[in-house]
Amino acid sequence: MTGFDAYFTRATGHAPYSYQRHLGERDRPPSVVEVPTGSGKTYALLVPWLHTRLERGEGPRRLVYALPMRTLVEQTASEVAAIRERLGLSSEELAVHVLMGGREPGSDWREHPERPQVIVGTIDMLLSRALNRGYGESRFAWPVAFGLLNSDCRWVFDEVQLMGPARPTSAQLDGLRASFGTVFPSESVWISATIDRPALTTVDRPELGEVLTLPDEDRRGPLAHRLEATKLVRRVDTSAGPPAHQPRRIAEALLEAHAAGSRSILVLNTVERAQAAARALRRIAGEVPVVLLHSRFRPPDRAVRLAEALAEVDRDGPGRIVVSTQVVEAGVDVSSRLLATETAPFSSIVQRIGRCNRSGEYTHAEVLWLDAGEPDRKAAAPYRPQDLAHARHALEELVGRSASPSILETMDVLESRAEPDVLRRRDLLDLFDTAPDLSGLDVDVSRFIRADDERSVS
């Protein structure tokens, strides 16, 4: 067993896959890591950095782990803390900080820049600080965070398909750091099972860089069981009748396919549809508990719901049904025997199916495709109708087949690409001036970070 293999095993409790070992033996990471869901992406980026930094004293001091959803931040921070405990490290040897709106920070991550630290946060909190306009931060602290997050860092952008305008911004920042130069080297890695590679090439970063995918030895080795896990796709027509009856039809189809002693997951595209389906399920589910999970819960309530959704299922009990929006489709380490989803862009479908039979623990697992027919603009929201049309065509090809990761990664389905505002050199230079304008306002960087086409509160 090599030095890295022993270190990885001590940190995680199991030996590394070949691609994880390859990352651990490199001096610098590749630009893009594209591996199927359930392949241990978080460990693949975290443990090699720890080994390089703590064992060899090389590489950036800060690992900045940027995630598109709060749920993923909490889960990733917990994984980092668990690894730190397994390795027997103190908080001084490895500090772990969480940057997320609505959460009170513990110790200040800026106090000891000379020490190794992992900063896990939402993309908006981290990128706003890298742009010298930190959300929820004193303007007098902006330059400090700006300096620390643009030098001596390894940025990891996970679940790239959910980044929106932050995706080209992250690429532009990487290119502009290389152009301007930084005091200490900084690196950027984008990782997901579904990556739009051309979207990571920008005007100041025209080359994609090296892409790491699964080697053949992983496809034949321990990962093969996960990559070939059975997930039989079955179509359920939910288009008949008035829309008001759709939640009941979805609930009935899900309950018919649900098996006692197992977890079933229903993923819907909007909070309103998820709430309606959960109400319908609770009326007819009997003793089967129904957990609703979406982004609008307050943090304490969300933590309770997430714990309920992730809890072990009693094999001798009625099982559990989790009704969710997109918050469950990426990064959340949960598996189900049954996964039901309405039509969504195919990159989202791949992520959702990744929550079904994740480890190949079931000999028979199902994916229910809830097909409401060709969507119009209103029914397609929050997605584009043409993206759902392309996904419907791909799902029709999968009906009656197993949507295993090895099958899904061979499918190339067209998706439209938004035209976000692109951070240019002059924009970054303008952001060096942190003084408000004559009206007392600050430069708004939100257009570079997140799409803002829907508000529930004004």
Protein backbone atom coordinates (compact mmCIF):
# COMPACT_ATOMS: atom_id res chain seq x y z
CA MET A 1 0.00 0.00 0.00
CA THR A 2 1.44 3.38 -1.04
CA GLY A 3 1.75 6.32 1.34
CA PHE A 4 -1.28 8.00 -0.18
CA ASP A 5 -3.33 4.79 -0.14
CA ALA A 6 -2.68 4.38 3.60
CA TYR A 7 -3.51 8.04 4.23
CA PHE A 8 -6.74 7.84 2.20
CA THR A 9 -7.81 4.65 3.98
CA ARG A 10 -7.18 6.23 7.38
CA ALA A 11 -9.15 9.35 6.37
CA THR A 12 -12.16 7.64 4.81
CA GLY A 13 -12.26 4.07 6.09
CA HIS A 14 -11.75 2.47 2.65
CA ALA A 15 -9.09 2.26 -0.04
CA PRO A 16 -9.10 4.83 -2.86
CA TYR A 17 -10.42 4.17 -6.33
CA SER A 18 -7.82 4.44 -9.10
CA TYR A 19 -8.86 7.96 -10.14
CA GLN A 20 -8.71 9.11 -6.50
CA ARG A 21 -5.22 7.64 -6.19
CA HIS A 22 -4.19 9.41 -9.41
CA LEU A 23 -5.37 12.74 -7.94
CA GLY A 24 -3.44 12.05 -4.75
CA GLU A 25 -0.19 11.39 -6.56
CA ARG A 26 -0.23 14.57 -8.65
CA ASP A 27 1.43 17.88 -7.79
CA ARG A 28 -1.46 19.88 -9.27
CA PRO A 29 -5.06 18.83 -9.89
CA PRO A 30 -6.63 18.78 -13.38
CA SER A 31 -8.99 21.59 -14.35
CA VAL A 32 -12.05 19.33 -14.67
CA VAL A 33 -12.99 16.08 -12.91
CA GLU A 34 -15.93 14.42 -14.66
CA VAL A 35 -17.00 11.20 -12.94
CA PRO A 36 -20.44 9.56 -12.45
CA THR A 37 -22.57 10.18 -9.37
CA GLY A 38 -21.70 7.98 -6.42
CA SER A 39 -17.99 7.83 -7.31
CA GLY A 40 -16.73 9.64 -4.20
CA LYS A 41 -16.09 13.08 -5.71
CA THR A 42 -15.82 14.90 -2.37
CA TYR A 43 -13.15 12.53 -1.05
CA ALA A 44 -11.36 12.71 -4.41
CA LEU A 45 -10.79 16.47 -4.04
CA LEU A 46 -10.47 16.76 -0.29
CA VAL A 47 -8.07 13.96 0.71
CA PRO A 48 -5.43 14.63 -2.00
CA TRP A 49 -5.26 18.29 -0.92
CA LEU A 50 -4.91 17.23 2.73
CA HIS A 51 -2.13 14.79 1.86
CA THR A 52 -0.27 17.34 -0.26
CA ARG A 53 -0.64 20.17 2.27
CA LEU A 54 -0.29 18.39 5.62
CA GLU A 55 2.03 15.50 4.76
CA ARG A 56 4.28 17.11 2.16
CA GLY A 57 3.92 20.81 3.08
CA GLU A 58 3.17 21.71 -0.53
CA GLY A 59 0.27 23.27 -2.42
CA PRO A 60 -2.17 26.05 -1.43
CA ARG A 61 -2.95 26.56 2.25
CA ARG A 62 -6.68 27.05 1.70
CA LEU A 63 -9.13 24.63 0.14
CA VAL A 64 -12.21 26.63 -0.85
CA TYR A 65 -15.13 24.29 -1.50
CA ALA A 66 -17.90 26.19 -3.31
CA LEU A 67 -21.36 24.61 -3.57
CA PRO A 68 -24.62 25.81 -5.15
CA MET A 69 -26.96 24.73 -2.32
CA ARG A 70 -27.02 25.20 1.45
CA THR A 71 -27.90 21.53 1.98
CA LEU A 72 -24.69 20.49 0.24
CA VAL A 73 -22.62 22.92 2.33
CA GLU A 74 -23.83 21.41 5.59
CA GLN A 75 -23.24 17.86 4.39
CA THR A 76 -19.76 18.59 2.99
CA ALA A 77 -18.68 20.43 6.14
CA SER A 78 -19.76 17.42 8.21
CA GLU A 79 -17.70 15.10 5.97
CA VAL A 80 -14.63 17.32 6.35
CA ALA A 81 -15.03 17.37 10.14
CA ALA A 82 -15.37 13.56 10.20
CA ILE A 83 -12.17 13.16 8.16
CA ARG A 84 -10.34 15.53 10.48
CA GLU A 85 -11.41 13.41 13.44
CA ARG A 86 -10.32 10.15 11.77
CA LEU A 87 -6.91 11.64 11.04
CA GLY A 88 -6.60 12.82 14.64
CA LEU A 89 -6.08 16.47 13.67
CA SER A 90 -6.82 19.43 15.93
CA SER A 91 -8.70 22.54 14.81
CA GLU A 92 -5.38 24.40 14.78
CA GLU A 93 -3.81 21.82 12.48
CA LEU A 94 -6.83 21.94 10.18
CA ALA A 95 -9.49 24.60 10.61
CA VAL A 96 -12.91 24.02 9.03
CA HIS A 97 -15.05 27.10 8.36
CA VAL A 98 -18.56 27.40 6.92
CA LEU A 99 -19.62 30.51 4.98
CA MET A 100 -23.35 30.47 4.43
CA GLY A 101 -26.09 33.08 4.76
CA GLY A 102 -28.13 32.83 7.95
CA ARG A 103 -25.47 30.82 9.80
CA GLU A 104 -23.43 32.42 12.53
CA PRO A 105 -19.71 31.81 11.88
CA GLY A 106 -17.65 30.18 14.57
CA SER A 107 -14.07 31.40 14.56
CA ASP A 108 -13.06 33.98 11.96
CA TRP A 109 -11.52 32.23 8.94
CA ARG A 110 -9.38 35.34 8.25
CA GLU A 111 -7.52 35.28 11.59
CA HIS A 112 -4.81 32.72 10.74
CA PRO A 113 -4.11 32.81 6.99
CA GLU A 114 -0.79 31.02 7.59
CA ARG A 115 -2.57 27.81 8.72
CA PRO A 116 -4.15 25.12 6.54
CA GLN A 117 -7.91 25.49 6.41
CA VAL A 118 -10.96 24.24 4.55
CA ILE A 119 -13.60 26.86 3.77
CA VAL A 120 -16.93 25.34 2.73
CA GLY A 121 -19.61 27.72 1.55
CA THR A 122 -22.31 28.64 -0.87
CA ILE A 123 -21.20 30.03 -4.20
CA ASP A 124 -22.79 33.43 -3.57
CA MET A 125 -21.01 33.94 -0.22
CA LEU A 126 -17.63 32.83 -1.57
CA LEU A 127 -17.63 34.42 -5.02
CA SER A 128 -18.95 37.75 -3.69
CA ARG A 129 -15.92 37.86 -1.40
CA ALA A 130 -13.60 36.93 -4.26
CA LEU A 131 -15.10 39.92 -6.13
CA ASN A 132 -14.41 42.35 -3.25
CA ARG A 133 -18.12 42.70 -2.40
CA GLY A 134 -18.71 40.06 0.29
CA TYR A 135 -22.37 39.48 1.03
CA GLY A 136 -23.24 40.08 4.68
CA GLU A 137 -19.73 41.42 5.34
CA SER A 138 -18.47 44.85 6.44
CA ARG A 139 -17.09 46.90 3.55
CA PHE A 140 -13.93 47.38 5.61
CA ALA A 141 -13.37 43.59 5.52
CA TRP A 142 -13.94 43.24 1.77
CA PRO A 143 -10.29 43.75 0.72
CA VAL A 144 -9.07 41.22 3.32
CA ALA A 145 -11.36 38.48 2.03
CA PHE A 146 -10.59 39.46 -1.56
CA GLY A 147 -6.86 39.06 -0.98
CA LEU A 148 -7.15 35.75 0.88
CA LEU A 149 -9.52 34.13 -1.61
CA ASN A 150 -7.51 35.06 -4.69
CA SER A 151 -4.14 33.78 -3.53
CA ASP A 152 -2.84 30.57 -1.96
CA CYS A 153 -6.16 28.80 -2.62
CA ARG A 154 -7.41 25.70 -4.35
CA TRP A 155 -11.00 26.41 -5.42
CA VAL A 156 -13.27 23.40 -5.90
CA PHE A 157 -16.56 24.08 -7.70
CA ASP A 158 -18.86 21.10 -7.17
CA GLU A 159 -22.10 20.36 -9.06
CA VAL A 160 -21.13 22.67 -11.93
CA GLN A 161 -24.46 22.22 -13.75
CA LEU A 162 -26.23 24.17 -10.99
CA MET A 163 -23.86 27.16 -10.89
CA GLY A 164 -25.66 29.41 -13.40
CA PRO A 165 -23.87 32.76 -14.00
CA ALA A 166 -21.27 31.78 -11.39
CA ARG A 167 -19.85 29.21 -13.82
CA PRO A 168 -18.32 31.70 -16.32
CA THR A 169 -17.44 34.02 -13.43
CA SER A 170 -15.41 31.29 -11.74
CA ALA A 171 -13.61 30.57 -15.03
CA GLN A 172 -12.94 34.28 -15.66
CA LEU A 173 -11.53 34.74 -12.16
CA ASP A 174 -9.19 31.80 -12.74
CA GLY A 175 -8.03 33.30 -16.04
CA LEU A 176 -7.64 36.82 -14.59
CA ARG A 177 -5.58 35.51 -11.66
CA ALA A 178 -3.22 33.92 -14.16
CA SER A 179 -3.13 37.15 -16.18
CA PHE A 180 -2.58 39.58 -13.29
CA GLY A 181 -0.50 37.21 -11.19
CA THR A 182 -0.96 36.40 -7.49
CA VAL A 183 1.37 36.41 -4.50
CA PHE A 184 0.98 32.64 -4.05
CA PRO A 185 -0.34 30.19 -6.64
CA SER A 186 -4.08 29.59 -6.89
CA GLU A 187 -5.87 26.72 -8.61
CA SER A 188 -9.43 25.98 -9.72
CA VAL A 189 -11.12 22.60 -10.20
CA TRP A 190 -14.63 22.03 -11.56
CA ILE A 191 -16.23 18.70 -10.73
CA SER A 192 -19.53 17.00 -11.61
CA ALA A 193 -21.07 14.02 -13.35
CA THR A 194 -22.50 16.35 -16.02
CA ILE A 195 -20.25 19.18 -17.18
CA ASP A 196 -20.88 21.51 -20.10
CA ARG A 197 -17.22 21.78 -21.09
CA PRO A 198 -17.55 24.69 -23.58
CA ALA A 199 -19.20 26.79 -20.83
CA LEU A 200 -15.90 26.72 -18.90
CA THR A 201 -13.95 28.36 -21.72
CA THR A 202 -14.17 32.15 -21.54
CA VAL A 203 -12.52 35.19 -23.08
CA ASP A 204 -9.74 35.32 -20.45
CA ARG A 205 -9.59 31.55 -20.03
CA PRO A 206 -9.87 30.22 -23.58
CA GLU A 207 -8.45 26.75 -22.85
CA LEU A 208 -10.44 24.18 -20.89
CA GLY A 209 -7.37 22.52 -19.41
CA GLU A 210 -6.92 18.87 -18.48
CA VAL A 211 -10.05 16.75 -17.96
CA LEU A 212 -9.90 13.69 -15.69
CA THR A 213 -12.44 10.91 -16.23
CA LEU A 214 -12.74 7.39 -14.84
CA PRO A 215 -9.94 5.06 -15.97
CA ASP A 216 -10.68 1.54 -17.21
CA GLU A 217 -9.44 -0.06 -13.98
CA ASP A 218 -12.20 1.73 -12.04
CA ARG A 219 -14.82 0.64 -14.56
CA ARG A 220 -13.72 -2.98 -14.09
CA GLY A 221 -12.93 -2.73 -10.37
CA PRO A 222 -14.87 -1.94 -7.19
CA LEU A 223 -16.77 0.92 -8.86
CA ALA A 224 -18.21 -1.37 -11.53
CA HIS A 225 -21.00 -2.51 -9.20
CA ARG A 226 -22.16 1.09 -8.81
CA LEU A 227 -21.73 1.95 -12.48
CA GLU A 228 -23.88 -1.01 -13.59
CA ALA A 229 -26.52 -0.72 -10.84
CA THR A 230 -30.00 -1.59 -12.15
CA LYS A 231 -32.45 1.33 -12.41
CA LEU A 232 -35.33 0.23 -14.64
CA VAL A 233 -37.10 3.21 -16.25
CA ARG A 234 -40.89 3.11 -16.41
CA ARG A 235 -43.11 5.83 -17.89
CA VAL A 236 -46.23 7.01 -16.07
CA ASP A 237 -48.58 9.24 -18.09
CA THR A 238 -49.78 12.11 -15.88
CA SER A 239 -51.07 14.30 -18.70
CA ALA A 240 -54.74 13.26 -18.58
CA GLY A 241 -57.32 15.35 -16.75
CA PRO A 242 -57.11 18.85 -15.24
CA PRO A 243 -53.84 20.05 -13.63
CA ALA A 244 -55.55 20.25 -10.23
CA HIS A 245 -55.83 16.44 -10.22
CA GLN A 246 -52.17 15.85 -11.07
CA PRO A 247 -50.85 15.70 -7.47
CA ARG A 248 -53.32 12.92 -6.69
CA ARG A 249 -52.33 10.96 -9.82
CA ILE A 250 -48.65 11.31 -8.95
CA ALA A 251 -49.29 10.20 -5.36
CA GLU A 252 -51.23 7.12 -6.49
CA ALA A 253 -48.54 6.10 -9.01
CA LEU A 254 -45.81 6.49 -6.40
CA LEU A 255 -47.63 4.53 -3.72
CA GLU A 256 -48.38 1.72 -6.16
CA ALA A 257 -44.66 1.32 -6.88
CA HIS A 258 -43.41 1.96 -3.32
CA ALA A 259 -42.11 -1.10 -1.46
CA ALA A 260 -42.35 -1.53 2.31
CA GLY A 261 -39.03 -1.31 4.15
CA SER A 262 -37.46 0.95 1.52
CA ARG A 263 -37.02 4.64 0.72
CA SER A 264 -38.80 6.21 -2.24
CA ILE A 265 -37.93 9.68 -3.54
CA LEU A 266 -40.20 11.96 -5.56
CA VAL A 267 -38.50 14.97 -7.21
CA LEU A 268 -40.61 17.79 -8.64
CA ASN A 269 -39.53 21.00 -10.35
CA THR A 270 -41.23 23.63 -8.16
CA VAL A 271 -41.90 24.09 -4.47
CA GLU A 272 -45.63 24.48 -5.12
CA ARG A 273 -45.88 21.13 -6.94
CA ALA A 274 -43.81 19.40 -4.26
CA GLN A 275 -46.06 20.79 -1.52
CA ALA A 276 -49.22 19.71 -3.40
CA ALA A 277 -47.87 16.19 -3.99
CA ALA A 278 -46.85 15.85 -0.34
CA ARG A 279 -50.34 16.83 0.78
CA ALA A 280 -51.89 14.29 -1.60
CA LEU A 281 -49.53 11.56 -0.40
CA ARG A 282 -50.24 12.21 3.27
CA ARG A 283 -53.96 11.79 2.60
CA ILE A 284 -53.58 8.33 1.07
CA ALA A 285 -50.21 6.99 2.31
CA GLY A 286 -51.59 5.47 5.50
CA GLU A 287 -48.75 4.58 7.86
CA VAL A 288 -45.98 5.38 5.36
CA PRO A 289 -44.27 8.58 6.61
CA VAL A 290 -43.91 11.40 4.06
CA VAL A 291 -41.04 13.90 4.38
CA LEU A 292 -41.15 17.17 2.41
CA LEU A 293 -37.82 18.80 1.57
CA HIS A 294 -37.31 22.10 -0.29
CA SER A 295 -35.25 25.30 -0.14
CA ARG A 296 -37.78 27.55 1.59
CA PHE A 297 -37.58 26.04 5.07
CA ARG A 298 -35.84 28.03 7.78
CA PRO A 299 -32.42 26.53 8.62
CA PRO A 300 -33.51 24.72 11.85
CA ASP A 301 -36.59 23.27 10.14
CA ARG A 302 -34.58 22.26 7.08
CA ALA A 303 -32.03 20.47 9.26
CA VAL A 304 -34.82 18.44 10.90
CA ARG A 305 -36.39 17.52 7.54
CA LEU A 306 -33.04 16.58 6.04
CA ALA A 307 -32.22 14.35 9.01
CA GLU A 308 -35.61 12.62 8.58
CA ALA A 309 -35.00 12.15 4.85
CA LEU A 310 -31.50 10.70 5.33
CA ALA A 311 -32.28 8.50 8.35
CA GLU A 312 -31.91 4.73 7.99
CA VAL A 313 -35.10 2.97 6.91
CA ASP A 314 -36.43 0.12 9.05
CA ARG A 315 -36.41 -2.92 6.76
CA ASP A 316 -39.38 -4.36 8.65
CA GLY A 317 -41.39 -1.11 8.60
CA PRO A 318 -43.57 0.64 6.01
CA GLY A 319 -40.61 2.52 4.52
CA ARG A 320 -40.41 6.24 3.85
CA ILE A 321 -41.35 8.62 1.03
CA VAL A 322 -39.26 11.77 0.48
CA VAL A 323 -40.84 14.52 -1.62
CA SER A 324 -38.29 17.06 -2.77
CA THR A 325 -37.38 19.76 -5.25
CA GLN A 326 -33.98 20.14 -6.90
CA VAL A 327 -32.29 20.34 -3.46
CA VAL A 328 -31.91 16.55 -3.47
CA GLU A 329 -30.67 16.13 -7.02
CA ALA A 330 -27.02 16.94 -6.42
CA GLY A 331 -24.50 16.09 -3.76
CA VAL A 332 -26.94 14.77 -1.14
CA ASP A 333 -25.68 11.28 -0.30
CA VAL A 334 -28.99 9.42 -0.20
CA SER A 335 -30.18 6.33 -2.02
CA SER A 336 -33.63 4.92 -2.80
CA ARG A 337 -35.18 1.81 -4.30
CA LEU A 338 -37.69 3.97 -6.19
CA LEU A 339 -36.99 7.37 -7.75
CA ALA A 340 -39.86 9.27 -9.36
CA THR A 341 -39.26 12.46 -11.30
CA GLU A 342 -41.10 14.73 -13.65
CA THR A 343 -39.38 15.85 -16.84
CA ALA A 344 -36.44 18.18 -16.31
CA PRO A 345 -33.32 19.13 -18.30
CA PHE A 346 -31.33 15.96 -18.91
CA SER A 347 -28.37 17.04 -16.75
CA SER A 348 -30.84 17.29 -13.84
CA ILE A 349 -32.38 13.93 -14.75
CA VAL A 350 -28.93 12.31 -14.54
CA GLN A 351 -28.36 13.81 -11.10
CA ARG A 352 -31.79 12.74 -9.86
CA ILE A 353 -31.38 9.19 -11.10
CA GLY A 354 -28.08 9.19 -9.20
CA ARG A 355 -30.16 9.10 -5.99
CA CYS A 356 -31.62 5.70 -6.99
CA ASN A 357 -29.82 2.45 -6.09
CA ARG A 358 -26.74 4.56 -5.56
CA SER A 359 -24.48 1.77 -4.33
CA GLY A 360 -26.16 -1.04 -6.24
CA GLU A 361 -27.67 -2.26 -2.96
CA TYR A 362 -30.93 -3.37 -4.64
CA THR A 363 -31.20 -6.13 -7.23
CA HIS A 364 -34.35 -4.44 -8.54
CA ALA A 365 -34.75 -0.66 -8.44
CA GLU A 366 -37.07 1.57 -10.47
CA VAL A 367 -37.16 5.05 -11.96
CA LEU A 368 -40.67 6.38 -12.57
CA TRP A 369 -40.77 9.03 -15.27
CA LEU A 370 -43.84 11.19 -14.62
CA ASP A 371 -44.58 12.35 -18.15
CA ALA A 372 -47.01 15.26 -18.39
CA GLY A 373 -46.56 15.57 -22.16
CA GLU A 374 -45.06 18.38 -24.20
CA PRO A 375 -44.76 21.38 -21.84
CA ASP A 376 -45.66 24.96 -22.65
CA ARG A 377 -43.67 27.86 -21.22
CA LYS A 378 -45.77 28.09 -18.04
CA ALA A 379 -45.74 24.35 -17.30
CA ALA A 380 -42.00 24.10 -18.02
CA ALA A 381 -41.00 26.72 -15.46
CA PRO A 382 -38.40 27.13 -14.07
CA TYR A 383 -36.82 25.46 -17.12
CA ARG A 384 -36.96 26.14 -20.85
CA PRO A 385 -39.55 24.17 -22.87
CA GLN A 386 -36.96 23.15 -25.48
CA ASP A 387 -34.73 21.61 -22.79
CA LEU A 388 -37.63 19.53 -21.50
CA ALA A 389 -38.49 18.46 -25.05
CA HIS A 390 -34.94 17.17 -25.60
CA ALA A 391 -35.04 15.39 -22.21
CA ARG A 392 -38.41 13.76 -23.07
CA HIS A 393 -36.92 12.34 -26.25
CA ALA A 394 -33.96 10.91 -24.33
CA LEU A 395 -36.22 9.43 -21.64
CA GLU A 396 -38.38 7.77 -24.28
CA GLU A 397 -35.26 5.92 -25.43
CA LEU A 398 -34.61 4.76 -21.84
CA VAL A 399 -38.11 3.41 -21.10
CA GLY A 400 -37.87 -0.33 -20.39
CA ARG A 401 -34.08 -0.11 -19.99
CA SER A 402 -31.79 0.39 -17.00
CA ALA A 403 -30.58 3.98 -16.55
CA SER A 404 -27.30 2.93 -14.93
CA PRO A 405 -24.47 5.50 -14.71
CA SER A 406 -22.55 3.65 -17.45
CA ILE A 407 -25.53 4.08 -19.81
CA LEU A 408 -26.31 7.70 -18.90
CA GLU A 409 -22.75 8.92 -19.45
CA THR A 410 -22.89 7.74 -23.09
CA MET A 411 -25.96 9.90 -23.83
CA ASP A 412 -25.40 13.38 -25.25
CA VAL A 413 -28.58 15.43 -24.91
CA LEU A 414 -28.79 19.01 -26.14
CA GLU A 415 -29.44 21.74 -23.55
CA SER A 416 -29.72 25.46 -24.15
CA ARG A 417 -27.12 27.67 -22.55
CA ALA A 418 -27.94 30.98 -20.91
CA GLU A 419 -26.00 34.09 -21.90
CA PRO A 420 -25.00 35.50 -18.51
CA ASP A 421 -23.06 38.69 -17.85
CA VAL A 422 -19.36 37.89 -18.15
CA LEU A 423 -16.91 39.37 -15.67
CA ARG A 424 -14.28 41.27 -17.69
CA ARG A 425 -10.91 42.68 -16.72
CA ARG A 426 -12.30 46.22 -16.45
CA ASP A 427 -15.11 44.99 -14.15
CA LEU A 428 -12.65 43.41 -11.76
CA LEU A 429 -10.49 46.55 -11.73
CA ASP A 430 -13.56 48.69 -10.98
CA LEU A 431 -14.31 46.47 -7.99
CA PHE A 432 -11.00 47.47 -6.38
CA ASP A 433 -12.72 50.76 -5.42
CA THR A 434 -14.90 49.83 -2.42
CA ALA A 435 -16.27 53.35 -1.85
CA PRO A 436 -20.02 53.86 -2.50
CA ASP A 437 -21.10 56.03 -5.43
CA LEU A 438 -22.65 59.52 -5.09
CA SER A 439 -26.04 58.02 -4.25
CA GLY A 440 -24.54 55.87 -1.48
CA LEU A 441 -24.90 52.60 -3.40
CA ASP A 442 -22.34 49.87 -4.08
CA VAL A 443 -21.56 48.08 -7.33
CA ASP A 444 -23.93 45.11 -7.55
CA VAL A 445 -22.06 41.87 -8.34
CA SER A 446 -25.13 39.60 -8.17
CA ARG A 447 -25.39 39.45 -11.99
CA PHE A 448 -22.02 37.66 -12.01
CA ILE A 449 -23.07 35.14 -9.35
CA ARG A 450 -26.67 34.01 -9.63
CA ALA A 451 -29.73 34.20 -11.83
CA ASP A 452 -32.34 36.53 -10.35
CA ASP A 453 -35.45 36.06 -12.46
CA GLU A 454 -37.80 35.01 -9.66
CA ARG A 455 -38.60 36.48 -6.26
CA SER A 456 -40.95 35.20 -3.61
CA VAL A 457 -40.50 38.30 -1.43
CA SER A 458 -39.78 41.91 -2.40
